[in-house]
Protein backbone atom coordinates (compact mmCIF):
# COMPACT_ATOMS: atom_id res chain seq x y z
CA MET A 1 -51.36 171.89 -195.50
CA GLY A 2 -48.74 174.26 -194.16
CA GLN A 3 -49.60 177.00 -196.65
CA GLY A 4 -53.30 177.00 -195.60
CA GLY A 5 -52.28 177.69 -192.01
CA ASP A 6 -49.96 180.48 -193.13
CA LEU A 7 -52.75 182.09 -195.15
CA ILE A 8 -55.16 182.07 -192.21
CA SER A 9 -52.54 183.40 -189.80
CA SER A 10 -51.64 186.21 -192.22
CA LEU A 11 -55.27 187.24 -192.83
CA LEU A 12 -56.33 187.10 -189.18
CA PRO A 13 -54.69 190.43 -188.22
CA LEU A 14 -56.35 192.15 -191.22
CA VAL A 15 -59.76 190.80 -190.24
CA ALA A 16 -59.21 191.89 -186.62
CA LEU A 17 -58.09 195.34 -187.77
CA PHE A 18 -61.18 195.74 -189.95
CA ALA A 19 -63.45 194.66 -187.07
CA ILE A 20 -61.85 197.23 -184.75
CA PHE A 21 -62.10 199.91 -187.44
CA TYR A 22 -65.78 199.10 -187.98
CA PHE A 23 -66.80 199.19 -184.31
CA LEU A 24 -64.76 202.29 -183.42
CA ILE A 25 -65.29 204.48 -186.50
CA ILE A 26 -67.89 203.33 -189.05
CA ARG A 27 -70.69 202.21 -186.73
CA PRO A 28 -70.69 205.35 -184.50
CA GLN A 29 -70.69 207.61 -187.58
CA GLN A 30 -73.68 205.76 -189.03
CA LYS A 31 -75.53 206.10 -185.72
CA GLN A 32 -74.76 209.83 -185.52
CA ALA A 33 -75.90 210.38 -189.13
CA LYS A 34 -79.17 208.57 -188.41
CA GLN A 35 -79.81 210.72 -185.31
CA HIS A 36 -79.08 213.92 -187.29
CA LYS A 37 -81.44 212.86 -190.09
CA GLU A 38 -84.24 212.20 -187.58
CA MET A 39 -83.61 215.54 -185.83
CA VAL A 40 -83.78 217.44 -189.14
CA ALA A 41 -86.96 215.60 -190.16
CA ASN A 42 -88.67 216.62 -186.89
CA LEU A 43 -87.99 220.37 -187.15
CA LYS A 44 -91.04 222.61 -186.90
CA LYS A 45 -91.97 226.28 -186.88
CA GLY A 46 -90.80 228.04 -183.73
CA ASP A 47 -87.82 225.77 -183.04
CA LYS A 48 -84.62 227.59 -182.15
CA ILE A 49 -81.66 226.02 -183.92
CA VAL A 50 -77.91 226.44 -184.29
CA THR A 51 -76.42 226.12 -187.78
CA HIS A 52 -73.05 224.58 -188.65
CA GLY A 53 -71.81 228.14 -189.15
CA GLY A 54 -72.75 229.05 -185.57
CA LEU A 55 -75.84 231.15 -186.27
CA MET A 56 -78.56 230.92 -183.64
CA VAL A 57 -81.89 231.40 -185.42
CA GLU A 58 -85.60 230.58 -185.14
CA ILE A 59 -87.55 228.65 -187.77
CA THR A 60 -90.42 230.64 -189.26
CA LYS A 61 -91.40 228.28 -192.09
CA VAL A 62 -90.58 224.67 -192.94
CA GLU A 63 -90.28 223.73 -196.61
CA GLU A 64 -89.34 220.41 -198.21
CA GLU A 65 -85.65 221.16 -198.82
CA TYR A 66 -85.21 224.50 -197.03
CA LEU A 67 -86.04 226.26 -193.80
CA ILE A 68 -86.94 229.93 -193.61
CA VAL A 69 -85.27 231.21 -190.46
CA LYS A 70 -85.34 234.50 -188.60
CA ASN A 71 -82.24 236.05 -187.08
CA HIS A 72 -82.27 238.10 -183.85
CA ASP A 73 -82.69 241.32 -185.89
CA ASN A 74 -85.79 239.83 -187.63
CA SER A 75 -84.04 239.38 -190.97
CA GLU A 76 -85.18 236.22 -192.73
CA MET A 77 -82.86 233.77 -194.44
CA LYS A 78 -83.28 230.56 -196.40
CA LEU A 79 -81.30 227.66 -194.93
CA VAL A 80 -80.67 224.21 -196.36
CA ARG A 81 -81.92 221.58 -193.87
CA GLU A 82 -78.61 219.70 -193.73
CA PHE A 83 -76.84 222.74 -192.25
CA VAL A 84 -78.74 222.50 -188.97
CA SER A 85 -76.28 221.51 -186.25
CA LYS A 86 -78.59 221.19 -183.25
CA VAL A 87 -81.88 222.27 -181.74
CA GLU A 88 -81.68 224.56 -178.73
CA ALA A 89 -83.78 223.54 -175.75
């Protein structure tokens, strides 16, 4: 009977640590990834975006996996959707 109590008391801190880890790190990252996925799915022609590399461009064409974007000097580039950081208002 004494060993069962020792087992529970030794596993309790690990369970508590995992719960803290989940609520402070894993859950917020999942929420942020879901928001980013929704934002990328809702992109449309004419949106002004910022890429992860810091480029501020405008979408000229939306394709399934890529975006055709126009820079300020009217040069067009092909951009993978996942590299969109945010949409400018």
